[in-house]
């Protein structure tokens, strides 16, 4: 029986940054799904029940930013782990849902992968 890889949803509106994050996460051995907005991410989460972690940018177009998305996910899908990243905003831990982690951009790739491994373990 093949081993099931944890599935990571990468939510980032900048295509180059999203592709780089997807590449990093896949090289670490995870399956990825991509979304370019919070609205698209919610549609994916509604359709795919086996997302283990959402890695989201803060600033995005659409009806909500990454912080609001993280809170929405925590309320609707509590088991999903959360990582929030931003290159423009320093996010205080107190403004994130419980258990979420914040990374400033540019983030250390090894630290990000280690956090994903710890959160989905």
N, C-alpha and C. Protein backbone atom coordinates (compact mmCIF):
# COMPACT_ATOMS: atom_id res chain seq x y z
N UNK A 1 0.85 -1.18 0.00
CA UNK A 1 0.00 0.00 0.00
C UNK A 1 0.89 1.24 0.00
N UNK A 2 0.69 2.18 -0.94
CA UNK A 2 1.54 3.36 -1.00
C UNK A 2 1.30 4.29 0.18
N UNK A 3 2.38 4.96 0.59
CA UNK A 3 2.29 5.91 1.69
C UNK A 3 1.53 7.15 1.22
N UNK A 4 0.61 7.65 2.04
CA UNK A 4 -0.15 8.84 1.70
C UNK A 4 0.65 10.06 2.12
N UNK A 5 0.90 10.95 1.16
CA UNK A 5 1.64 12.18 1.44
C UNK A 5 0.68 13.22 1.99
N UNK A 6 1.10 13.98 3.00
CA UNK A 6 0.28 15.10 3.44
C UNK A 6 0.10 16.10 2.28
N UNK A 7 -1.08 16.70 2.22
CA UNK A 7 -1.41 17.64 1.15
C UNK A 7 -1.36 19.06 1.70
N UNK A 8 -0.59 19.91 1.01
CA UNK A 8 -0.41 21.30 1.41
C UNK A 8 -1.06 22.19 0.36
N UNK A 9 -1.95 23.08 0.81
CA UNK A 9 -2.58 24.07 -0.06
C UNK A 9 -1.77 25.36 0.03
N UNK A 10 -1.20 25.78 -1.09
CA UNK A 10 -0.39 27.00 -1.16
C UNK A 10 -1.27 28.11 -1.75
N UNK A 11 -1.50 29.17 -0.97
CA UNK A 11 -2.36 30.28 -1.39
C UNK A 11 -1.50 31.52 -1.52
N UNK A 12 -1.27 31.92 -2.77
CA UNK A 12 -0.38 33.04 -3.07
C UNK A 12 -0.80 33.62 -4.41
N UNK A 13 -1.01 34.95 -4.45
CA UNK A 13 -1.45 35.57 -5.70
C UNK A 13 -0.32 35.82 -6.68
N UNK A 14 0.91 35.93 -6.21
CA UNK A 14 2.05 36.13 -7.10
C UNK A 14 2.48 34.78 -7.65
N UNK A 15 2.31 34.59 -8.95
CA UNK A 15 2.54 33.27 -9.55
C UNK A 15 3.96 32.77 -9.36
N UNK A 16 4.94 33.64 -9.49
CA UNK A 16 6.34 33.23 -9.35
C UNK A 16 6.62 32.76 -7.92
N UNK A 17 6.14 33.51 -6.94
CA UNK A 17 6.34 33.13 -5.54
C UNK A 17 5.59 31.83 -5.24
N UNK A 18 4.37 31.71 -5.78
CA UNK A 18 3.58 30.49 -5.56
C UNK A 18 4.28 29.27 -6.14
N UNK A 19 4.78 29.40 -7.36
CA UNK A 19 5.47 28.26 -7.99
C UNK A 19 6.73 27.88 -7.24
N UNK A 20 7.45 28.88 -6.74
CA UNK A 20 8.67 28.59 -5.96
C UNK A 20 8.31 27.86 -4.66
N UNK A 21 7.24 28.30 -4.00
CA UNK A 21 6.81 27.64 -2.76
C UNK A 21 6.35 26.21 -3.04
N UNK A 22 5.59 26.03 -4.12
CA UNK A 22 5.13 24.69 -4.49
C UNK A 22 6.32 23.78 -4.76
N UNK A 23 7.29 24.28 -5.50
CA UNK A 23 8.48 23.49 -5.81
C UNK A 23 9.21 23.08 -4.53
N UNK A 24 9.41 24.03 -3.62
CA UNK A 24 10.08 23.74 -2.35
C UNK A 24 9.33 22.68 -1.56
N UNK A 25 8.02 22.82 -1.46
CA UNK A 25 7.22 21.90 -0.66
C UNK A 25 7.18 20.51 -1.30
N UNK A 26 7.08 20.46 -2.62
CA UNK A 26 7.09 19.16 -3.30
C UNK A 26 8.44 18.47 -3.18
N UNK A 27 9.54 19.24 -3.25
CA UNK A 27 10.87 18.64 -3.08
C UNK A 27 11.04 18.07 -1.68
N UNK A 28 10.28 18.62 -0.71
CA UNK A 28 10.33 18.11 0.66
C UNK A 28 9.47 16.86 0.83
N UNK A 29 8.77 16.44 -0.24
CA UNK A 29 8.04 15.19 -0.20
C UNK A 29 6.54 15.31 0.00
N UNK A 30 6.00 16.51 -0.10
CA UNK A 30 4.57 16.71 0.10
C UNK A 30 3.85 16.88 -1.23
N UNK A 31 2.57 16.59 -1.22
CA UNK A 31 1.71 16.88 -2.36
C UNK A 31 1.19 18.31 -2.19
N UNK A 32 1.06 19.05 -3.29
CA UNK A 32 0.58 20.42 -3.19
C UNK A 32 -0.65 20.64 -4.06
N UNK A 33 -1.41 21.64 -3.65
CA UNK A 33 -2.53 22.17 -4.41
C UNK A 33 -2.33 23.67 -4.38
N UNK A 34 -2.69 24.36 -5.46
CA UNK A 34 -2.44 25.80 -5.56
C UNK A 34 -3.73 26.59 -5.65
N UNK A 35 -3.69 27.79 -5.04
CA UNK A 35 -4.77 28.76 -5.16
C UNK A 35 -4.16 30.14 -5.24
N UNK A 36 -4.79 31.03 -6.02
CA UNK A 36 -4.26 32.39 -6.17
C UNK A 36 -5.03 33.41 -5.34
N UNK A 37 -6.04 32.96 -4.60
CA UNK A 37 -6.81 33.87 -3.74
C UNK A 37 -7.46 33.07 -2.62
N UNK A 38 -7.94 33.79 -1.61
CA UNK A 38 -8.65 33.13 -0.52
C UNK A 38 -9.93 32.49 -1.02
N UNK A 39 -10.61 33.16 -1.93
CA UNK A 39 -11.86 32.61 -2.48
C UNK A 39 -11.62 31.28 -3.18
N UNK A 40 -10.56 31.22 -3.97
CA UNK A 40 -10.21 29.97 -4.66
C UNK A 40 -9.81 28.90 -3.64
N UNK A 41 -9.09 29.30 -2.61
CA UNK A 41 -8.67 28.35 -1.57
C UNK A 41 -9.88 27.73 -0.88
N UNK A 42 -10.88 28.53 -0.57
CA UNK A 42 -12.09 28.01 0.09
C UNK A 42 -12.80 27.01 -0.81
N UNK A 43 -12.89 27.29 -2.10
CA UNK A 43 -13.51 26.35 -3.04
C UNK A 43 -12.76 25.02 -3.05
N UNK A 44 -11.43 25.09 -3.02
CA UNK A 44 -10.62 23.87 -2.99
C UNK A 44 -10.86 23.11 -1.69
N UNK A 45 -10.86 23.82 -0.57
CA UNK A 45 -11.09 23.16 0.72
C UNK A 45 -12.46 22.51 0.80
N UNK A 46 -13.45 23.13 0.18
CA UNK A 46 -14.79 22.54 0.16
C UNK A 46 -14.83 21.27 -0.70
N UNK A 47 -14.02 21.23 -1.74
CA UNK A 47 -14.02 20.10 -2.68
C UNK A 47 -13.07 18.98 -2.28
N UNK A 48 -12.02 19.31 -1.53
CA UNK A 48 -11.00 18.32 -1.17
C UNK A 48 -10.90 18.21 0.34
N UNK A 49 -11.46 17.18 0.91
CA UNK A 49 -11.47 17.06 2.36
C UNK A 49 -10.14 16.68 3.01
N UNK A 50 -9.14 16.34 2.21
CA UNK A 50 -7.89 15.84 2.79
C UNK A 50 -6.73 16.81 2.67
N UNK A 51 -6.97 18.09 2.90
CA UNK A 51 -5.90 19.08 2.97
C UNK A 51 -5.40 19.08 4.42
N UNK A 52 -4.09 18.95 4.59
CA UNK A 52 -3.52 18.87 5.94
C UNK A 52 -3.04 20.23 6.46
N UNK A 53 -2.57 21.08 5.54
CA UNK A 53 -2.00 22.36 5.95
C UNK A 53 -2.25 23.39 4.86
N UNK A 54 -2.52 24.63 5.27
CA UNK A 54 -2.64 25.74 4.34
C UNK A 54 -1.50 26.70 4.61
N UNK A 55 -0.75 27.02 3.55
CA UNK A 55 0.35 27.98 3.59
C UNK A 55 -0.12 29.18 2.78
N UNK A 56 -0.43 30.30 3.45
CA UNK A 56 -1.03 31.43 2.77
C UNK A 56 -0.25 32.72 2.94
N UNK A 57 -0.28 33.52 1.90
CA UNK A 57 0.23 34.89 1.94
C UNK A 57 -0.80 35.75 2.66
N UNK A 58 -0.37 36.90 3.18
CA UNK A 58 -1.31 37.81 3.84
C UNK A 58 -2.05 38.66 2.82
N UNK A 59 -1.31 39.36 1.97
CA UNK A 59 -1.93 40.31 1.05
C UNK A 59 -2.33 39.61 -0.25
N UNK A 60 -3.66 39.59 -0.51
CA UNK A 60 -4.17 38.95 -1.71
C UNK A 60 -5.42 39.70 -2.17
N UNK A 61 -5.71 39.59 -3.46
CA UNK A 61 -6.97 40.17 -3.94
C UNK A 61 -8.15 39.30 -3.52
N UNK A 62 -9.34 39.85 -3.59
CA UNK A 62 -10.52 39.06 -3.27
C UNK A 62 -11.22 39.55 -2.02
N UNK A 63 -12.07 38.71 -1.50
CA UNK A 63 -12.92 39.11 -0.39
C UNK A 63 -12.25 39.06 0.98
N UNK A 64 -11.09 38.39 1.07
CA UNK A 64 -10.39 38.36 2.35
C UNK A 64 -8.89 38.19 2.15
N UNK A 65 -8.15 38.68 3.15
CA UNK A 65 -6.69 38.51 3.11
C UNK A 65 -6.34 37.18 3.78
N UNK A 66 -5.03 36.91 3.86
CA UNK A 66 -4.58 35.64 4.41
C UNK A 66 -4.87 35.46 5.89
N UNK A 67 -4.89 36.55 6.65
CA UNK A 67 -5.20 36.44 8.08
C UNK A 67 -6.67 36.08 8.26
N UNK A 68 -7.54 36.74 7.52
CA UNK A 68 -8.97 36.41 7.60
C UNK A 68 -9.20 34.98 7.11
N UNK A 69 -8.48 34.59 6.06
CA UNK A 69 -8.59 33.22 5.55
C UNK A 69 -8.18 32.22 6.64
N UNK A 70 -7.09 32.49 7.32
CA UNK A 70 -6.61 31.59 8.38
C UNK A 70 -7.67 31.43 9.47
N UNK A 71 -8.28 32.53 9.89
CA UNK A 71 -9.33 32.46 10.91
C UNK A 71 -10.55 31.69 10.38
N UNK A 72 -10.91 31.92 9.13
CA UNK A 72 -12.03 31.21 8.52
C UNK A 72 -11.78 29.71 8.50
N UNK A 73 -10.57 29.34 8.10
CA UNK A 73 -10.21 27.92 8.06
C UNK A 73 -10.24 27.32 9.46
N UNK A 74 -9.69 28.03 10.44
CA UNK A 74 -9.67 27.52 11.82
C UNK A 74 -11.10 27.28 12.32
N UNK A 75 -12.01 28.19 11.98
CA UNK A 75 -13.40 28.06 12.43
C UNK A 75 -14.13 26.93 11.70
N UNK A 76 -13.89 26.79 10.40
CA UNK A 76 -14.64 25.83 9.60
C UNK A 76 -13.99 24.45 9.53
N UNK A 77 -12.66 24.42 9.49
CA UNK A 77 -11.91 23.16 9.40
C UNK A 77 -10.82 23.16 10.48
N UNK A 78 -11.18 23.01 11.73
CA UNK A 78 -10.21 23.14 12.83
C UNK A 78 -8.97 22.25 12.74
N UNK A 79 -9.04 21.03 12.17
CA UNK A 79 -7.83 20.21 12.14
C UNK A 79 -6.74 20.70 11.17
N UNK A 80 -7.09 21.56 10.22
CA UNK A 80 -6.10 22.00 9.24
C UNK A 80 -5.08 22.90 9.91
N UNK A 81 -3.82 22.62 9.67
CA UNK A 81 -2.71 23.41 10.20
C UNK A 81 -2.52 24.64 9.31
N UNK A 82 -1.95 25.72 9.90
CA UNK A 82 -1.86 26.99 9.18
C UNK A 82 -0.48 27.62 9.30
N UNK A 83 0.02 28.09 8.16
CA UNK A 83 1.21 28.93 8.12
C UNK A 83 0.86 30.16 7.30
N UNK A 84 1.14 31.33 7.85
CA UNK A 84 0.86 32.61 7.20
C UNK A 84 2.19 33.30 6.94
N UNK A 85 2.34 33.88 5.73
CA UNK A 85 3.60 34.55 5.37
C UNK A 85 3.31 35.92 4.78
N UNK A 86 4.26 36.84 4.97
CA UNK A 86 4.14 38.16 4.37
C UNK A 86 5.51 38.78 4.20
N UNK A 87 5.67 39.50 3.11
CA UNK A 87 6.89 40.25 2.88
C UNK A 87 6.75 41.72 3.22
N UNK A 88 5.54 42.16 3.50
CA UNK A 88 5.30 43.57 3.77
C UNK A 88 4.80 43.85 5.17
N UNK A 89 4.19 42.86 5.79
CA UNK A 89 3.55 43.05 7.08
C UNK A 89 4.16 42.10 8.09
N UNK A 90 4.47 42.62 9.26
CA UNK A 90 4.86 41.75 10.37
C UNK A 90 3.57 41.45 11.14
N UNK A 91 3.23 40.20 11.20
CA UNK A 91 1.98 39.79 11.83
C UNK A 91 2.28 39.32 13.25
N UNK A 92 1.60 39.92 14.19
CA UNK A 92 1.74 39.51 15.58
C UNK A 92 1.05 38.16 15.78
N UNK A 93 1.65 37.31 16.58
CA UNK A 93 1.08 35.99 16.85
C UNK A 93 -0.34 36.10 17.39
N UNK A 94 -0.61 37.16 18.15
CA UNK A 94 -1.93 37.35 18.75
C UNK A 94 -3.03 37.60 17.72
N UNK A 95 -2.66 38.01 16.50
CA UNK A 95 -3.67 38.25 15.47
C UNK A 95 -3.93 37.01 14.61
N UNK A 96 -3.18 35.94 14.86
CA UNK A 96 -3.36 34.68 14.13
C UNK A 96 -4.21 33.71 14.93
N UNK A 97 -4.85 32.76 14.24
CA UNK A 97 -5.59 31.72 14.98
C UNK A 97 -4.62 30.89 15.82
N UNK A 98 -5.14 30.28 16.85
CA UNK A 98 -4.33 29.44 17.72
C UNK A 98 -3.63 28.35 16.91
N UNK A 99 -2.34 28.19 17.15
CA UNK A 99 -1.57 27.14 16.49
C UNK A 99 -0.98 27.54 15.14
N UNK A 100 -1.38 28.70 14.59
CA UNK A 100 -0.83 29.14 13.31
C UNK A 100 0.57 29.68 13.51
N UNK A 101 1.38 29.56 12.46
CA UNK A 101 2.74 30.09 12.50
C UNK A 101 2.90 31.17 11.44
N UNK A 102 3.76 32.15 11.74
CA UNK A 102 4.02 33.25 10.81
C UNK A 102 5.45 33.18 10.32
N UNK A 103 5.65 33.45 9.02
CA UNK A 103 6.97 33.57 8.42
C UNK A 103 7.03 34.88 7.65
N UNK A 104 8.08 35.67 7.90
CA UNK A 104 8.34 36.85 7.10
C UNK A 104 9.04 36.43 5.82
N UNK A 105 8.75 37.15 4.74
CA UNK A 105 9.40 36.88 3.46
C UNK A 105 10.58 37.83 3.31
N UNK A 106 11.66 37.42 2.75
CA UNK A 106 11.89 36.05 2.29
C UNK A 106 12.12 35.12 3.48
N UNK A 107 11.47 33.99 3.46
CA UNK A 107 11.58 33.04 4.57
C UNK A 107 12.73 32.09 4.32
N UNK A 108 13.26 31.58 5.40
CA UNK A 108 14.31 30.56 5.32
C UNK A 108 13.64 29.26 4.90
N UNK A 109 14.03 28.72 3.76
CA UNK A 109 13.37 27.54 3.20
C UNK A 109 13.45 26.34 4.14
N UNK A 110 14.61 26.14 4.75
CA UNK A 110 14.77 24.99 5.66
C UNK A 110 13.86 25.14 6.88
N UNK A 111 13.73 26.36 7.40
CA UNK A 111 12.85 26.59 8.55
C UNK A 111 11.39 26.36 8.17
N UNK A 112 11.01 26.80 6.97
CA UNK A 112 9.64 26.60 6.52
C UNK A 112 9.33 25.11 6.39
N UNK A 113 10.20 24.37 5.74
CA UNK A 113 9.99 22.94 5.56
C UNK A 113 9.93 22.24 6.92
N UNK A 114 10.82 22.61 7.83
CA UNK A 114 10.82 22.01 9.17
C UNK A 114 9.50 22.28 9.89
N UNK A 115 8.97 23.50 9.76
CA UNK A 115 7.68 23.83 10.39
C UNK A 115 6.55 23.01 9.79
N UNK A 116 6.56 22.84 8.46
CA UNK A 116 5.53 22.02 7.81
C UNK A 116 5.61 20.59 8.33
N UNK A 117 6.82 20.05 8.40
CA UNK A 117 7.00 18.68 8.90
C UNK A 117 6.45 18.54 10.32
N UNK A 118 6.79 19.51 11.18
CA UNK A 118 6.32 19.46 12.57
C UNK A 118 4.80 19.57 12.66
N UNK A 119 4.21 20.45 11.86
CA UNK A 119 2.77 20.67 11.95
C UNK A 119 1.96 19.49 11.43
N UNK A 120 2.44 18.82 10.40
CA UNK A 120 1.65 17.71 9.83
C UNK A 120 1.99 16.35 10.46
N UNK A 121 2.98 16.33 11.34
CA UNK A 121 3.38 15.07 11.99
C UNK A 121 2.27 14.53 12.87
